[in-house]
Amino acid sequence: MAEASEERGFRNRAAPQDASGLQDSLFSSESDNSLYFTYGGQSNTLEVRDLSYQVDMDSQVPWFKKLAQFKMPWTSHKDSRELGIQNLSFKVRSGQMLAIIGSSGCGRASLLDVITGRDHGGKIKSGQIWINGKPSSPQVVRKYVAHVRQHDQLLPNLTVRETLAFVAQLRLPRTFSQAQRDKRVDDVIAELRLRQCANTRVGNAYVRGVSGGERRRVSIAVQLLWNPVDLTSIDRRSREHEVATREKAQSLAALFQEKVHGSDDFLWRAEERELGEGTCLESRALPQDTDWPPTPTELPGPVQQFTMLIRRQIFNDFRDLPTLLIRGAEACLMSLIIGFLYYGHGTIKLSLMDTAALLFMIGALIPFNVILDVIAKCHSERAMLYYELEDGLYTAGPYFFTKILGELPEHCVYIMICGMPTYWLANLRPGLEPFLLHLLLVWLVVFYCRIMALFVAALLPTFHTSSFFGNALYNSFYLTGGFMISLDNLWTVPAWISKVSFLRWCFEGLMQIQFKGHTYHMVVGNFTIPVPGDVILTSMGLNSYPLYAIYLILMGIGGGFMILYYVALRFIKQKSYQD
């Protein structure tokens, strides 16, 4: 019944008996503004044979939710395994559109994941997937199949053209000239009707940009750009455009008819019976792109990946002016508040405890403001990172160096805004050398705090778990920093924590810059007692290493967090459970 009704419906649409009539019925509806995909490249076939796919429901539950339910994260029960797909078979060829219809939760997305080799948390029980008559493999899938995800994962502050240009730089072969890359971008923009918004930001729920439909077409364009699945529609902006696009559509339709001639697809058999033997359409040769598909060795290397990634990050970050202004104002306000709190002493120096408290506050408060910002930003990009790594757009190495180095301009400006007003308003040790040493130490500790936040964000799957662990780690460093309690009075566990606490080494370095080799005068009643700065440092347990060694120790701790961050990026899937 269903097949018969579909056949009758197709006959009605294909009623005209000549070639132009057929092509008009396919491409020239006056009121239709949709996009028509007609393939004009080499013939490809996707076939699924008797596929049964089993989903492990326990594996779909994140480990932290299992812990919340008092279950061990690694446990899995046999009764939690369900068949998501059972005995499914189909065959689809180039130029055909296959609609997968089903209710929510029936396994449509799982089927696409299995076909594209992204069957996370499941297992193929039986059946096979074939592409062009060969068993599917990740290399074959990456070469012939483009997967447009259900949700858009795009950077909001880049324009449509910049988004596509970035993909063109990473996905098109090295042999392509810049003019060829620009032309490919322009062609895809034109084909997907994105010209009117090509220079508009992509946007998201919080940043105003293109419309939702246009954003969806940008996601499609990203895939078409490097795996062009040809696109055509009738352009009626002028008579000349209409004639040119209609001729292209007729050529594609004729070629399409020839390719499916004699196939076992009942729709096309029905059409052939309707048209008869004498109405076979003549094939028209279409130009083929001889540069496609590229071999893996032709794709851009790590250096070019890093270059494009860092350009994209800088463009995206520095166009978010409201966020930059808010962070700058926050840093400036905090610096001025702390500076004016200690201002007004003139030639009278701060007391010993006041000076120590100020230096500890500088080394502890400035990095603390960075942690949540970095973690939140990383988790907002996590889903996009996961999909781009999965698609092979770049590898973990270039992205690692991009995140380490990409925020250095913003980082340097932030440290200058935070450090300069406080240092001079609080009347700390005068001179260019102590000021520069002070600023460098604060720069290092904030930089390594950023790397610690990057590691935590890559290690854990949600913003809440990352922020909790990041705060716990930071507070352990804070409490063992040498100001809340003397380092000599720490018992074994916190004493070991203090050795890897960058806040402890920052505080020790700032105290040495301020007091070492300098005589401090303490006022006791009517008496002024000179106290050598080295005695003060020794009494607080902050004179165990020379100043240059403190810088080296900080670099070692920072290098350790860099290694941990790279390992997390390389071996932990960055899939966002919030999506």
Protein backbone atom coordinates (compact mmCIF):
# COMPACT_ATOMS: atom_id res chain seq x y z
CA MET A 1 0.00 0.00 0.00
CA ALA A 2 2.71 2.47 0.97
CA GLU A 3 4.83 1.59 -2.04
CA ALA A 4 1.89 1.88 -4.39
CA SER A 5 0.90 5.29 -3.06
CA GLU A 6 4.47 6.53 -3.36
CA GLU A 7 4.62 5.28 -6.95
CA ARG A 8 1.40 7.05 -7.84
CA GLY A 9 2.65 10.22 -6.23
CA PHE A 10 5.85 10.08 -8.25
CA ARG A 11 3.96 9.52 -11.49
CA ASN A 12 1.94 12.64 -10.88
CA ARG A 13 5.06 14.70 -10.35
CA ALA A 14 6.81 13.21 -13.36
CA ALA A 15 3.82 13.44 -15.70
CA PRO A 16 5.50 15.55 -18.46
CA GLN A 17 6.93 13.20 -21.09
CA ASP A 18 9.90 15.28 -22.24
CA ALA A 19 13.20 16.11 -20.62
CA SER A 20 12.38 19.73 -19.88
CA GLY A 21 9.09 18.71 -18.30
CA LEU A 22 10.84 16.31 -15.98
CA GLN A 23 13.42 18.87 -14.97
CA ASP A 24 10.80 21.55 -14.42
CA SER A 25 8.93 19.23 -12.07
CA LEU A 26 12.10 18.62 -10.11
CA PHE A 27 13.67 22.07 -9.94
CA SER A 28 11.40 24.94 -10.90
CA SER A 29 8.61 25.38 -8.40
CA GLU A 30 7.88 29.08 -8.26
CA SER A 31 6.96 29.04 -4.56
CA ASP A 32 9.69 26.65 -3.41
CA ASN A 33 12.63 28.32 -1.66
CA SER A 34 14.28 25.10 -0.50
CA LEU A 35 17.67 23.80 -1.57
CA TYR A 36 18.07 20.93 -4.05
CA PHE A 37 21.11 18.69 -3.82
CA THR A 38 22.05 16.92 -7.04
CA TYR A 39 25.31 15.03 -7.18
CA GLY A 40 27.62 15.60 -10.14
CA GLY A 41 30.78 13.84 -9.04
CA GLN A 42 31.93 10.22 -9.04
CA SER A 43 29.37 7.54 -8.28
CA ASN A 44 29.30 6.46 -4.64
CA THR A 45 27.18 3.84 -2.88
CA LEU A 46 26.39 3.41 0.81
CA GLU A 47 24.91 0.07 1.81
CA VAL A 48 23.82 -1.27 5.21
CA ARG A 49 23.23 -5.01 5.45
CA ASP A 50 21.25 -6.60 8.31
CA LEU A 51 22.54 -4.13 10.88
CA SER A 52 21.76 -4.72 14.54
CA TYR A 53 23.20 -2.20 16.97
CA GLN A 54 23.22 -2.66 20.72
CA VAL A 55 23.33 0.34 23.04
CA ASP A 56 24.78 0.04 26.54
CA MET A 57 22.52 2.35 28.53
CA ASP A 58 24.91 2.32 31.50
CA SER A 59 27.68 3.72 29.33
CA GLN A 60 25.45 6.64 28.44
CA VAL A 61 25.37 7.74 32.09
CA PRO A 62 28.39 9.92 33.04
CA TRP A 63 30.60 8.62 35.82
CA PHE A 64 29.84 11.52 38.13
CA LYS A 65 26.09 10.80 37.90
CA LYS A 66 26.78 7.18 38.81
CA LEU A 67 28.68 8.32 41.87
CA ALA A 68 25.74 10.53 42.81
CA GLN A 69 23.57 7.38 42.68
CA PHE A 70 26.08 5.50 44.88
CA LYS A 71 27.21 3.27 41.99
CA MET A 72 30.71 2.44 40.88
CA PRO A 73 31.52 4.32 37.63
CA TRP A 74 32.92 1.25 35.88
CA THR A 75 29.99 -1.06 36.58
CA SER A 76 27.73 -2.20 33.75
CA HIS A 77 24.77 -4.58 33.92
CA LYS A 78 23.79 -6.98 31.16
CA ASP A 79 20.15 -5.98 31.41
CA SER A 80 21.14 -2.37 30.60
CA ARG A 81 21.95 -3.33 27.01
CA GLU A 82 19.20 -2.65 24.50
CA LEU A 83 18.91 -3.11 20.76
CA GLY A 84 18.69 0.38 19.31
CA ILE A 85 18.66 -0.84 15.69
CA GLN A 86 17.51 -4.30 14.61
CA ASN A 87 17.99 -6.03 11.23
CA LEU A 88 18.21 -2.80 9.23
CA SER A 89 19.13 -2.89 5.54
CA PHE A 90 19.17 -0.17 2.91
CA LYS A 91 21.15 1.04 -0.06
CA VAL A 92 21.57 4.65 -1.21
CA ARG A 93 23.48 5.99 -4.20
CA SER A 94 24.90 9.31 -5.28
CA GLY A 95 22.16 11.76 -6.13
CA GLN A 96 19.54 10.10 -3.97
CA MET A 97 18.12 11.49 -0.74
CA LEU A 98 17.26 8.96 1.94
CA ALA A 99 14.85 10.12 4.64
CA ILE A 100 15.09 8.32 7.98
CA ILE A 101 11.73 8.63 9.71
CA GLY A 102 10.96 7.60 13.26
CA SER A 103 9.82 8.77 16.65
CA SER A 104 12.10 10.30 19.24
CA GLY A 105 14.55 7.79 20.69
CA CYS A 106 14.12 5.21 17.92
CA GLY A 107 17.78 5.31 16.92
CA ARG A 108 18.00 7.76 14.01
CA ALA A 109 20.98 9.67 15.43
CA SER A 110 22.58 6.39 16.53
CA LEU A 111 22.33 5.09 12.97
CA LEU A 112 24.16 8.13 11.63
CA ASP A 113 26.80 7.75 14.32
CA VAL A 114 27.31 4.08 13.42
CA ILE A 115 27.59 4.84 9.69
CA THR A 116 30.16 7.57 10.29
CA GLY A 117 32.16 5.50 12.78
CA ARG A 118 31.08 7.38 15.88
CA ASP A 119 29.25 4.59 17.70
CA HIS A 120 30.06 5.76 21.24
CA GLY A 121 28.73 3.61 24.03
CA GLY A 122 27.40 0.89 21.73
CA LYS A 123 28.35 -2.17 19.75
CA ILE A 124 27.42 -3.58 16.35
CA LYS A 125 25.99 -7.04 17.09
CA SER A 126 25.58 -8.12 13.47
CA GLY A 127 25.56 -6.79 9.96
CA GLN A 128 27.95 -4.77 7.85
CA ILE A 129 28.35 -1.27 6.42
CA TRP A 130 29.74 -0.98 2.88
CA ILE A 131 30.94 2.09 1.01
CA ASN A 132 31.52 1.67 -2.71
CA GLY A 133 31.48 -2.10 -2.34
CA LYS A 134 34.13 -2.15 0.39
CA PRO A 135 33.78 -2.58 4.16
CA SER A 136 33.58 0.75 5.93
CA SER A 137 36.64 2.08 7.77
CA PRO A 138 37.47 5.44 9.39
CA GLN A 139 39.68 6.36 6.43
CA VAL A 140 36.97 5.54 3.89
CA VAL A 141 34.31 7.39 5.89
CA ARG A 142 36.48 10.49 6.19
CA LYS A 143 37.10 10.43 2.44
CA TYR A 144 33.52 9.98 1.20
CA VAL A 145 31.07 10.92 3.97
CA ALA A 146 30.27 14.31 5.47
CA HIS A 147 28.32 14.41 8.72
CA VAL A 148 26.35 17.56 9.56
CA ARG A 149 25.62 17.39 13.27
CA GLN A 150 22.23 17.89 14.84
CA HIS A 151 23.39 20.99 16.72
CA ASP A 152 25.43 23.87 15.33
CA GLN A 153 28.93 24.12 16.81
CA LEU A 154 30.40 27.37 15.51
CA LEU A 155 32.36 30.24 17.03
CA PRO A 156 29.88 33.10 17.49
CA ASN A 157 32.17 36.07 16.87
CA LEU A 158 33.48 34.98 13.46
CA THR A 159 31.64 35.98 10.30
CA VAL A 160 30.18 33.40 7.94
CA ARG A 161 32.98 33.97 5.43
CA GLU A 162 35.70 33.74 8.10
CA THR A 163 34.22 30.49 9.42
CA LEU A 164 34.32 28.90 5.97
CA ALA A 165 37.74 30.38 5.14
CA PHE A 166 39.16 28.75 8.27
CA VAL A 167 37.86 25.32 7.20
CA ALA A 168 39.14 25.90 3.66
CA GLN A 169 42.66 26.52 4.98
CA LEU A 170 42.66 23.28 6.98
CA ARG A 171 40.64 20.94 4.77
CA LEU A 172 41.60 21.78 1.20
CA PRO A 173 44.86 20.27 -0.14
CA ARG A 174 48.16 22.08 0.14
CA THR A 175 48.32 22.21 -3.66
CA PHE A 176 45.39 24.64 -3.69
CA SER A 177 46.38 28.26 -4.15
CA GLN A 178 44.83 30.97 -2.02
CA ALA A 179 42.76 32.05 -5.02
CA GLN A 180 41.36 28.51 -5.36
CA ARG A 181 40.50 28.41 -1.66
CA ASP A 182 38.75 31.79 -1.86
CA LYS A 183 36.82 30.65 -4.92
CA ARG A 184 35.68 27.48 -3.18
CA VAL A 185 34.46 29.56 -0.25
CA ASP A 186 32.65 32.00 -2.54
CA ASP A 187 31.03 29.14 -4.47
CA VAL A 188 29.69 27.46 -1.34
CA ILE A 189 28.42 30.79 0.03
CA ALA A 190 26.58 31.42 -3.23
CA GLU A 191 25.17 27.90 -3.48
CA LEU A 192 23.79 27.97 0.05
CA ARG A 193 22.35 31.48 -0.39
CA LEU A 194 24.53 33.04 2.27
CA ARG A 195 25.77 36.04 0.30
CA GLN A 196 23.55 38.51 2.10
CA CYS A 197 24.98 37.45 5.47
CA ALA A 198 28.53 36.49 4.43
CA ASN A 199 30.06 39.30 6.49
CA THR A 200 27.69 38.92 9.45
CA ARG A 201 28.77 37.21 12.66
CA VAL A 202 27.52 33.65 13.08
CA GLY A 203 26.25 34.42 16.58
CA ASN A 204 24.58 32.14 19.11
CA ALA A 205 21.94 32.34 21.84
CA TYR A 206 23.85 35.19 23.51
CA VAL A 207 25.57 36.96 20.59
CA ARG A 208 23.38 38.50 17.91
CA GLY A 209 24.21 37.13 14.47
CA VAL A 210 22.63 35.35 11.52
CA SER A 211 19.21 33.74 11.76
CA GLY A 212 18.73 30.17 12.92
CA GLY A 213 18.16 28.88 9.40
CA GLU A 214 21.22 30.66 8.08
CA ARG A 215 23.30 29.27 10.94
CA ARG A 216 22.12 25.77 10.00
CA ARG A 217 23.17 26.38 6.41
CA VAL A 218 26.61 27.52 7.61
CA SER A 219 27.02 24.14 9.33
CA ILE A 220 26.07 22.43 6.07
CA ALA A 221 28.47 24.67 4.18
CA VAL A 222 31.33 23.64 6.47
CA GLN A 223 30.83 20.03 5.31
CA LEU A 224 30.18 20.87 1.66
CA LEU A 225 33.33 22.95 1.57
CA TRP A 226 35.68 20.00 1.89
CA ASN A 227 33.46 17.19 0.66
CA PRO A 228 31.24 18.76 -2.01
CA VAL A 229 28.06 16.03 -1.48
CA ASP A 230 26.94 19.58 -5.93
CA LEU A 231 24.07 21.97 -5.16
CA THR A 232 21.67 23.61 -7.55
CA SER A 233 18.46 25.59 -7.61
CA ILE A 234 16.75 27.95 -10.00
CA ASP A 235 17.83 31.57 -9.47
CA ARG A 236 15.04 33.95 -10.56
CA ARG A 237 16.65 37.26 -9.62
CA SER A 238 16.94 38.00 -13.36
CA ARG A 239 16.17 36.36 -16.68
CA GLU A 240 19.86 35.73 -17.33
CA HIS A 241 20.36 34.04 -13.95
CA GLU A 242 17.28 31.91 -14.48
CA VAL A 243 18.40 30.68 -17.90
CA ALA A 244 21.91 29.86 -16.68
CA THR A 245 20.80 28.00 -13.55
CA ARG A 246 18.04 26.15 -15.43
CA GLU A 247 20.57 24.89 -17.97
CA LYS A 248 22.79 23.69 -15.12
CA ALA A 249 19.84 21.98 -13.47
CA GLN A 250 18.86 20.27 -16.72
CA SER A 251 22.40 19.01 -17.22
CA LEU A 252 22.55 17.62 -13.70
CA ALA A 253 19.11 16.05 -13.96
CA ALA A 254 20.03 14.38 -17.25
CA LEU A 255 23.24 12.99 -15.78
CA PHE A 256 21.35 11.86 -12.69
CA GLN A 257 18.78 10.01 -14.82
CA GLU A 258 21.52 8.21 -16.70
CA LYS A 259 23.32 7.13 -13.52
CA VAL A 260 20.20 5.61 -11.95
CA HIS A 261 19.01 4.03 -15.21
CA GLY A 262 18.47 0.32 -14.71
CA SER A 263 18.78 0.48 -10.92
CA ASP A 264 16.51 -1.50 -8.64
CA ASP A 265 15.03 1.63 -7.07
CA PHE A 266 11.27 1.28 -7.58
CA LEU A 267 10.79 5.04 -7.87
CA TRP A 268 12.97 5.29 -10.93
CA ARG A 269 11.57 2.11 -12.44
CA ALA A 270 8.15 3.61 -12.08
CA GLU A 271 9.26 6.72 -13.88
CA GLU A 272 10.80 4.75 -16.72
CA ARG A 273 7.56 2.88 -17.24
CA GLU A 274 5.78 6.21 -17.40
CA LEU A 275 8.20 7.86 -19.80
CA GLY A 276 8.69 4.89 -22.07
CA GLU A 277 11.67 3.69 -24.06
CA GLY A 278 11.86 6.63 -26.42
CA THR A 279 12.28 9.34 -23.82
CA CYS A 280 15.67 8.42 -22.38
CA LEU A 281 17.53 11.58 -21.47
CA GLU A 282 20.84 12.36 -23.07
CA SER A 283 23.74 12.70 -20.69
CA ARG A 284 25.71 15.89 -20.67
CA ALA A 285 29.27 15.77 -19.44
CA LEU A 286 29.97 17.92 -16.42
CA PRO A 287 33.40 19.22 -15.51
CA GLN A 288 35.00 17.20 -12.74
CA ASP A 289 37.33 18.53 -10.09
CA THR A 290 40.51 16.59 -10.78
CA ASP A 291 42.06 17.78 -7.52
CA TRP A 292 39.50 15.87 -5.47
CA PRO A 293 39.59 13.94 -3.22
CA PRO A 294 42.92 14.85 -1.60
CA THR A 295 45.19 12.24 -0.13
CA PRO A 296 46.02 12.63 3.58
CA THR A 297 49.58 13.73 2.77
CA GLU A 298 48.22 16.76 0.91
CA LEU A 299 46.39 18.19 3.89
CA PRO A 300 47.92 21.06 5.91
CA GLY A 301 50.51 20.11 8.50
CA PRO A 302 50.71 20.98 12.23
CA VAL A 303 52.36 24.37 11.67
CA GLN A 304 49.60 25.57 9.34
CA GLN A 305 46.96 24.12 11.66
CA PHE A 306 48.45 26.07 14.56
CA THR A 307 48.62 29.26 12.48
CA MET A 308 44.97 29.05 11.47
CA LEU A 309 43.80 28.06 14.94
CA ILE A 310 45.56 30.93 16.66
CA ARG A 311 44.25 33.41 14.07
CA ARG A 312 40.74 32.12 14.61
CA GLN A 313 41.03 32.37 18.38
CA ILE A 314 42.40 35.92 18.30
CA PHE A 315 39.68 37.04 15.89
CA ASN A 316 36.96 35.43 17.99
CA ASP A 317 38.26 36.74 21.32
CA PHE A 318 39.03 40.31 20.38
CA ARG A 319 35.67 40.81 18.70
CA ASP A 320 33.94 40.04 21.97
CA LEU A 321 34.43 43.62 23.13
CA PRO A 322 31.84 43.58 25.97
CA THR A 323 33.61 40.66 27.65
CA LEU A 324 37.04 42.24 27.19
CA LEU A 325 35.86 45.57 28.58
CA ILE A 326 34.22 43.91 31.58
CA ARG A 327 37.39 41.95 32.38
CA GLY A 328 39.54 45.05 31.98
CA ALA A 329 37.24 47.11 34.18
CA GLU A 330 37.17 44.35 36.79
CA ALA A 331 40.99 44.15 36.87
CA CYS A 332 41.36 47.93 37.06
CA LEU A 333 38.76 48.30 39.82
CA MET A 334 40.29 45.52 41.91
CA SER A 335 43.77 47.00 41.51
CA LEU A 336 42.64 50.49 42.48
CA ILE A 337 40.67 49.26 45.49
CA ILE A 338 43.64 47.32 46.85
CA GLY A 339 46.05 50.16 46.05
CA PHE A 340 43.98 52.86 47.74
CA LEU A 341 43.45 50.62 50.76
CA TYR A 342 47.20 50.80 51.37
CA TYR A 343 47.64 54.36 50.07
CA GLY A 344 48.36 57.46 52.14
CA HIS A 345 51.38 56.41 54.14
CA GLY A 346 53.76 58.77 52.33
CA THR A 347 57.29 58.19 53.57
CA ILE A 348 56.02 55.94 56.37
CA LYS A 349 56.37 52.32 55.37
CA LEU A 350 53.65 49.75 55.91
CA SER A 351 54.03 47.49 58.91
CA LEU A 352 55.58 44.07 58.38
CA MET A 353 52.29 42.19 58.61
CA ASP A 354 50.50 44.67 56.35
CA THR A 355 53.18 44.34 53.70
CA ALA A 356 53.15 40.53 53.89
CA ALA A 357 49.34 40.50 53.66
CA LEU A 358 49.41 42.81 50.62
CA LEU A 359 51.97 40.67 48.79
CA PHE A 360 50.06 37.47 49.51
CA MET A 361 46.84 39.12 48.34
CA ILE A 362 48.48 40.20 45.07
CA GLY A 363 49.71 36.66 44.43
CA ALA A 364 46.42 35.01 45.39
CA LEU A 365 43.53 37.26 44.31
CA ILE A 366 44.70 38.08 40.79
CA PRO A 367 45.02 34.40 39.69
CA PHE A 368 41.73 33.45 41.39
CA ASN A 369 39.71 35.71 39.08
CA VAL A 370 41.14 33.88 36.08
CA ILE A 371 40.18 30.30 36.96
CA LEU A 372 36.40 30.38 36.45
CA ASP A 373 36.68 32.53 33.30
CA VAL A 374 39.05 30.05 31.65
CA ILE A 375 37.01 26.99 32.70
CA ALA A 376 33.75 28.54 31.48
CA LYS A 377 35.27 29.50 28.14
CA CYS A 378 36.77 26.04 27.60
CA HIS A 379 33.47 24.32 28.29
CA SER A 380 31.64 26.65 25.92
CA GLU A 381 34.04 25.47 23.17
CA ARG A 382 34.20 21.83 24.29
CA ALA A 383 31.55 20.39 21.95
CA MET A 384 33.03 22.22 18.95
CA LEU A 385 36.51 20.96 19.86
CA TYR A 386 35.21 17.39 20.13
CA TYR A 387 33.59 17.44 16.69
CA GLU A 388 36.52 19.15 14.98
CA LEU A 389 38.99 16.65 16.43
CA GLU A 390 36.67 13.81 15.44
CA ASP A 391 36.44 15.13 11.88
CA GLY A 392 40.23 15.36 11.67
CA LEU A 393 40.15 19.10 11.03
CA TYR A 394 43.27 19.38 13.22
CA THR A 395 45.06 17.38 15.89
CA ALA A 396 45.40 17.89 19.63
CA GLY A 397 48.95 19.29 19.37
CA PRO A 398 48.19 22.49 17.40
CA TYR A 399 45.11 23.14 19.54
CA PHE A 400 47.21 22.70 22.70
CA PHE A 401 49.73 25.33 21.62
CA THR A 402 46.91 27.61 20.49
CA LYS A 403 45.31 27.60 23.93
CA ILE A 404 48.67 28.03 25.66
CA LEU A 405 49.84 30.95 23.50
CA GLY A 406 46.63 32.39 22.05
CA GLU A 407 45.62 34.38 25.11
CA LEU A 408 49.06 35.89 25.79
CA PRO A 409 48.11 39.39 24.51
CA GLU A 410 45.05 39.52 26.75
CA HIS A 411 47.04 37.97 29.59
CA CYS A 412 49.80 40.60 29.39
CA VAL A 413 47.35 43.50 29.35
CA TYR A 414 45.48 41.99 32.30
CA ILE A 415 48.68 41.73 34.37
CA MET A 416 49.71 45.31 33.58
CA ILE A 417 46.29 46.64 34.61
CA CYS A 418 46.31 44.62 37.82
CA GLY A 419 49.94 45.05 38.82
CA MET A 420 50.99 48.63 38.12
CA PRO A 421 48.45 50.70 40.12
CA THR A 422 48.71 48.52 43.23
CA TYR A 423 52.51 48.53 43.26
CA TRP A 424 52.88 52.31 43.15
CA LEU A 425 49.82 53.24 45.23
CA ALA A 426 50.91 50.94 48.06
CA ASN A 427 54.41 52.46 47.96
CA LEU A 428 56.23 49.15 47.64
CA ARG A 429 60.00 49.01 47.18
CA PRO A 430 60.97 51.74 44.66
CA GLY A 431 63.14 51.18 41.62
CA LEU A 432 62.73 49.70 38.15
CA GLU A 433 64.42 46.37 38.88
CA PRO A 434 62.25 45.32 41.86
CA PHE A 435 59.14 46.47 39.97
CA LEU A 436 59.99 44.38 36.89
CA LEU A 437 60.88 41.32 38.99
CA HIS A 438 57.61 41.75 40.89
CA LEU A 439 55.58 42.05 37.68
CA LEU A 440 57.30 39.04 36.07
CA LEU A 441 56.55 36.85 39.08
CA VAL A 442 52.85 37.83 39.05
CA TRP A 443 52.80 37.25 35.28
CA LEU A 444 54.16 33.72 35.73
CA VAL A 445 51.80 32.71 38.51
CA VAL A 446 48.71 33.95 36.65
CA PHE A 447 49.90 32.26 33.44
CA TYR A 448 50.35 28.92 35.19
CA CYS A 449 47.01 29.36 36.91
CA ARG A 450 45.46 29.64 33.43
CA ILE A 451 47.16 26.39 32.40
CA MET A 452 45.89 24.65 35.53
CA ALA A 453 42.37 25.80 34.65
CA LEU A 454 42.81 24.52 31.07
CA PHE A 455 43.87 21.13 32.43
CA VAL A 456 40.91 20.93 34.80
CA ALA A 457 38.48 21.93 32.04
CA ALA A 458 39.86 19.25 29.70
CA LEU A 459 39.94 16.59 32.42
CA LEU A 460 36.32 16.73 33.56
CA PRO A 461 33.13 16.61 31.44
CA THR A 462 31.01 19.44 32.85
CA PHE A 463 31.49 23.02 33.94
CA HIS A 464 30.28 22.28 37.46
CA THR A 465 32.68 19.39 38.09
CA SER A 466 35.58 21.33 36.57
CA SER A 467 34.88 24.45 38.61
CA PHE A 468 34.54 22.39 41.80
CA PHE A 469 37.83 20.55 41.23
CA GLY A 470 39.58 23.74 40.11
CA ASN A 471 38.48 25.61 43.25
CA ALA A 472 39.47 22.68 45.48
CA LEU A 473 42.92 22.53 43.89
CA TYR A 474 43.36 26.30 44.12
CA ASN A 475 42.26 26.43 47.77
CA SER A 476 44.73 23.71 48.70
CA PHE A 477 47.48 25.82 47.13
CA TYR A 478 46.10 28.93 48.84
CA LEU A 479 46.09 27.42 52.35
CA THR A 480 49.62 26.03 51.98
CA GLY A 481 51.01 29.27 50.50
CA GLY A 482 52.98 30.26 53.61
CA PHE A 483 50.84 33.13 54.89
CA MET A 484 47.81 31.43 56.49
CA ILE A 485 50.13 29.16 58.45
CA SER A 486 53.92 29.08 58.62
CA LEU A 487 55.56 26.59 56.30
CA ASP A 488 57.53 25.16 59.22
CA ASN A 489 54.30 24.25 61.04
CA LEU A 490 52.74 22.23 58.19
CA TRP A 491 52.42 18.48 58.71
CA THR A 492 53.44 15.97 56.04
CA VAL A 493 50.56 16.09 53.50
CA PRO A 494 50.11 19.89 53.30
CA ALA A 495 53.91 20.27 53.36
CA TRP A 496 54.10 18.22 50.15
CA ILE A 497 51.21 20.18 48.63
CA SER A 498 53.05 23.42 49.38
CA LYS A 499 56.00 22.22 47.31
CA VAL A 500 53.83 22.22 44.14
CA SER A 501 51.80 25.28 45.15
CA PHE A 502 52.57 28.09 42.72
CA LEU A 503 50.98 30.50 45.25
CA ARG A 504 53.60 29.52 47.86
CA TRP A 505 56.48 30.15 45.45
CA CYS A 506 54.93 33.40 44.25
CA PHE A 507 54.54 34.64 47.84
CA GLU A 508 58.10 33.62 48.70
CA GLY A 509 59.44 35.38 45.61
CA LEU A 510 57.45 38.57 46.22
CA MET A 511 58.66 38.68 49.83
CA GLN A 512 62.29 38.25 48.74
CA ILE A 513 61.95 41.03 46.15
CA GLN A 514 60.56 43.34 48.83
CA PHE A 515 62.81 42.47 51.80
CA LYS A 516 65.99 40.65 50.73
CA GLY A 517 69.09 42.82 51.05
CA HIS A 518 66.99 45.63 52.44
CA THR A 519 66.84 46.85 56.03
CA TYR A 520 63.31 47.14 57.38
CA HIS A 521 62.57 49.57 60.23
CA MET A 522 60.05 48.46 62.83
CA VAL A 523 58.44 51.04 65.09
CA VAL A 524 57.85 49.84 68.66
CA GLY A 525 56.48 52.60 70.85
CA ASN A 526 58.98 55.46 70.73
CA PHE A 527 61.72 53.25 69.38
CA THR A 528 62.61 52.43 65.77
CA ILE A 529 64.38 49.08 65.42
CA PRO A 530 66.27 48.23 62.21
CA VAL A 531 65.64 44.62 61.14
CA PRO A 532 67.52 43.05 58.21
CA GLY A 533 65.15 41.74 55.56
CA ASP A 534 66.90 38.34 55.48
CA VAL A 535 66.05 37.83 59.16
CA ILE A 536 62.36 38.47 58.42
CA LEU A 537 62.38 36.00 55.54
CA THR A 538 64.17 33.31 57.56
CA SER A 539 61.77 33.67 60.47
CA MET A 540 58.82 33.07 58.10
CA GLY A 541 60.53 30.14 56.33
CA LEU A 542 60.66 32.06 53.03
CA ASN A 543 64.42 32.16 52.49
CA SER A 544 65.10 28.53 51.60
CA TYR A 545 65.89 29.14 47.91
CA PRO A 546 67.46 32.08 46.02
CA LEU A 547 65.20 34.23 43.88
CA TYR A 548 66.34 32.79 40.52
CA ALA A 549 65.57 29.26 41.80
CA ILE A 550 62.01 30.35 42.62
CA TYR A 551 61.48 31.38 39.00
CA LEU A 552 62.83 28.02 37.83
CA ILE A 553 60.62 26.10 40.28
CA LEU A 554 57.57 28.00 39.05
CA MET A 555 58.49 27.14 35.46
CA GLY A 556 58.82 23.49 36.43
CA ILE A 557 55.38 23.45 38.07
CA GLY A 558 53.90 25.20 35.05
CA GLY A 559 55.57 22.70 32.72
CA GLY A 560 54.00 19.86 34.71
CA PHE A 561 50.53 21.34 34.28
CA MET A 562 51.23 21.78 30.55
CA ILE A 563 52.03 18.07 30.25
CA LEU A 564 48.87 17.16 32.16
CA TYR A 565 46.81 19.45 29.92
CA TYR A 566 48.19 17.89 26.74
CA VAL A 567 47.59 14.36 28.05
CA ALA A 568 43.98 15.29 28.90
CA LEU A 569 43.43 16.75 25.41
CA ARG A 570 45.07 13.78 23.73
CA PHE A 571 43.47 10.89 25.58
CA ILE A 572 40.21 12.18 27.09
CA LYS A 573 37.30 12.65 24.69
CA GLN A 574 36.17 16.24 24.90
CA LYS A 575 32.52 15.40 24.36
CA SER A 576 30.29 17.76 26.30
CA TYR A 577 27.66 15.94 28.35
CA GLN A 578 25.69 19.18 28.59
CA ASP A 579 24.85 18.82 24.87
